[in-house]
Amino acid sequence: MEFLVLLKQLDGKLTVNEEKIFDQWYNSSEFNRSYYQRFRDNYLGSDNM
């Protein structure tokens, strides 16, 4: 579930409930914020290949 929410966040297609889940997860720890930043950088970087 978390992985799908991350992908939908990157595509800007979260529902209101998914956005709440993401915000809670993202703000819960520095590790989660760092994980999302790395995930986002890798995801967006893959479009350029």
N, C-alpha and C. Protein backbone atom coordinates (compact mmCIF):
# COMPACT_ATOMS: atom_id res chain seq x y z
N MET A 1 0.82 -1.20 0.00
CA MET A 1 0.00 0.00 0.00
C MET A 1 0.86 1.26 0.00
N GLU A 2 1.87 1.31 0.85
CA GLU A 2 2.72 2.49 0.92
C GLU A 2 3.37 2.80 -0.42
N PHE A 3 3.86 1.76 -1.09
CA PHE A 3 4.54 1.94 -2.37
C PHE A 3 3.58 2.55 -3.40
N LEU A 4 2.36 2.06 -3.44
CA LEU A 4 1.38 2.59 -4.40
C LEU A 4 1.05 4.04 -4.10
N VAL A 5 0.97 4.38 -2.83
CA VAL A 5 0.70 5.77 -2.45
C VAL A 5 1.87 6.66 -2.87
N LEU A 6 3.09 6.17 -2.73
CA LEU A 6 4.26 6.95 -3.16
C LEU A 6 4.22 7.21 -4.66
N LEU A 7 3.90 6.18 -5.43
CA LEU A 7 3.82 6.36 -6.88
C LEU A 7 2.72 7.34 -7.27
N LYS A 8 1.58 7.21 -6.63
CA LYS A 8 0.47 8.11 -6.93
C LYS A 8 0.81 9.54 -6.51
N GLN A 9 1.57 9.70 -5.43
CA GLN A 9 1.99 11.04 -4.98
C GLN A 9 2.87 11.68 -6.05
N LEU A 10 3.78 10.91 -6.62
CA LEU A 10 4.66 11.44 -7.64
C LEU A 10 3.89 11.83 -8.90
N ASP A 11 2.82 11.12 -9.18
CA ASP A 11 2.01 11.42 -10.35
C ASP A 11 0.93 12.46 -10.07
N GLY A 12 0.80 12.87 -8.79
CA GLY A 12 -0.19 13.87 -8.42
C GLY A 12 -1.62 13.36 -8.49
N LYS A 13 -1.82 12.08 -8.20
CA LYS A 13 -3.14 11.47 -8.35
C LYS A 13 -3.67 10.87 -7.05
N LEU A 14 -3.32 11.45 -5.91
CA LEU A 14 -3.80 10.92 -4.64
C LEU A 14 -5.24 11.32 -4.37
N THR A 15 -5.98 10.41 -3.75
CA THR A 15 -7.30 10.76 -3.24
C THR A 15 -7.10 11.54 -1.94
N VAL A 16 -8.15 12.11 -1.41
CA VAL A 16 -8.06 12.86 -0.16
C VAL A 16 -7.56 11.94 0.96
N ASN A 17 -8.09 10.73 1.05
CA ASN A 17 -7.66 9.80 2.10
C ASN A 17 -6.21 9.37 1.91
N GLU A 18 -5.80 9.12 0.67
CA GLU A 18 -4.41 8.75 0.41
C GLU A 18 -3.47 9.90 0.74
N GLU A 19 -3.90 11.12 0.49
CA GLU A 19 -3.07 12.27 0.82
C GLU A 19 -2.87 12.38 2.33
N LYS A 20 -3.91 12.10 3.09
CA LYS A 20 -3.79 12.10 4.55
C LYS A 20 -2.81 11.02 5.00
N ILE A 21 -2.90 9.83 4.40
CA ILE A 21 -1.98 8.74 4.72
C ILE A 21 -0.55 9.15 4.40
N PHE A 22 -0.35 9.72 3.21
CA PHE A 22 0.99 10.14 2.81
C PHE A 22 1.54 11.20 3.76
N ASP A 23 0.74 12.22 4.05
CA ASP A 23 1.19 13.30 4.94
C ASP A 23 1.57 12.77 6.32
N GLN A 24 0.76 11.88 6.84
CA GLN A 24 1.06 11.30 8.16
C GLN A 24 2.36 10.50 8.10
N TRP A 25 2.51 9.70 7.07
CA TRP A 25 3.72 8.88 6.92
C TRP A 25 4.94 9.78 6.73
N TYR A 26 4.84 10.76 5.82
CA TYR A 26 5.96 11.63 5.49
C TYR A 26 6.42 12.43 6.70
N ASN A 27 5.50 12.93 7.48
CA ASN A 27 5.83 13.77 8.63
C ASN A 27 6.18 12.99 9.89
N SER A 28 6.07 11.67 9.85
CA SER A 28 6.29 10.87 11.06
C SER A 28 7.77 10.68 11.41
N SER A 29 8.67 10.80 10.41
CA SER A 29 10.09 10.62 10.75
C SER A 29 11.00 11.19 9.67
N GLU A 30 12.20 11.51 10.08
CA GLU A 30 13.22 11.98 9.15
C GLU A 30 13.57 10.88 8.15
N PHE A 31 13.59 9.64 8.61
CA PHE A 31 13.88 8.51 7.72
C PHE A 31 12.87 8.46 6.57
N ASN A 32 11.59 8.62 6.87
CA ASN A 32 10.56 8.57 5.83
C ASN A 32 10.72 9.71 4.83
N ARG A 33 11.05 10.88 5.32
CA ARG A 33 11.27 12.02 4.42
C ARG A 33 12.47 11.77 3.51
N SER A 34 13.54 11.25 4.08
CA SER A 34 14.72 10.93 3.30
C SER A 34 14.43 9.83 2.28
N TYR A 35 13.69 8.82 2.70
CA TYR A 35 13.31 7.71 1.81
C TYR A 35 12.51 8.25 0.63
N TYR A 36 11.54 9.11 0.90
CA TYR A 36 10.71 9.66 -0.17
C TYR A 36 11.55 10.50 -1.13
N GLN A 37 12.46 11.29 -0.60
CA GLN A 37 13.31 12.12 -1.46
C GLN A 37 14.15 11.26 -2.40
N ARG A 38 14.74 10.19 -1.86
CA ARG A 38 15.53 9.27 -2.70
C ARG A 38 14.64 8.58 -3.73
N PHE A 39 13.47 8.12 -3.28
CA PHE A 39 12.52 7.45 -4.16
C PHE A 39 12.10 8.40 -5.30
N ARG A 40 11.78 9.64 -4.94
CA ARG A 40 11.37 10.63 -5.94
C ARG A 40 12.48 10.90 -6.93
N ASP A 41 13.70 11.09 -6.43
CA ASP A 41 14.83 11.36 -7.31
C ASP A 41 15.08 10.21 -8.27
N ASN A 42 14.99 8.98 -7.78
CA ASN A 42 15.19 7.81 -8.64
C ASN A 42 14.05 7.67 -9.65
N TYR A 43 12.83 7.90 -9.22
CA TYR A 43 11.66 7.78 -10.09
C TYR A 43 11.70 8.83 -11.20
N LEU A 44 11.96 10.06 -10.82
CA LEU A 44 12.00 11.12 -11.81
C LEU A 44 13.22 11.01 -12.70
N GLY A 45 14.32 10.51 -12.16
CA GLY A 45 15.53 10.31 -12.94
C GLY A 45 15.37 9.22 -13.98
N SER A 46 14.51 8.24 -13.72
CA SER A 46 14.33 7.14 -14.66
C SER A 46 13.62 7.59 -15.93
N ASP A 47 12.89 8.70 -15.89
CA ASP A 47 12.22 9.21 -17.09
C ASP A 47 13.21 9.76 -18.11
N ASN A 48 14.40 10.10 -17.65
CA ASN A 48 15.39 10.71 -18.54
C ASN A 48 16.26 9.69 -19.25
N MET A 49 16.06 8.43 -18.98
CA MET A 49 16.90 7.39 -19.59
C MET A 49 16.37 6.96 -20.93
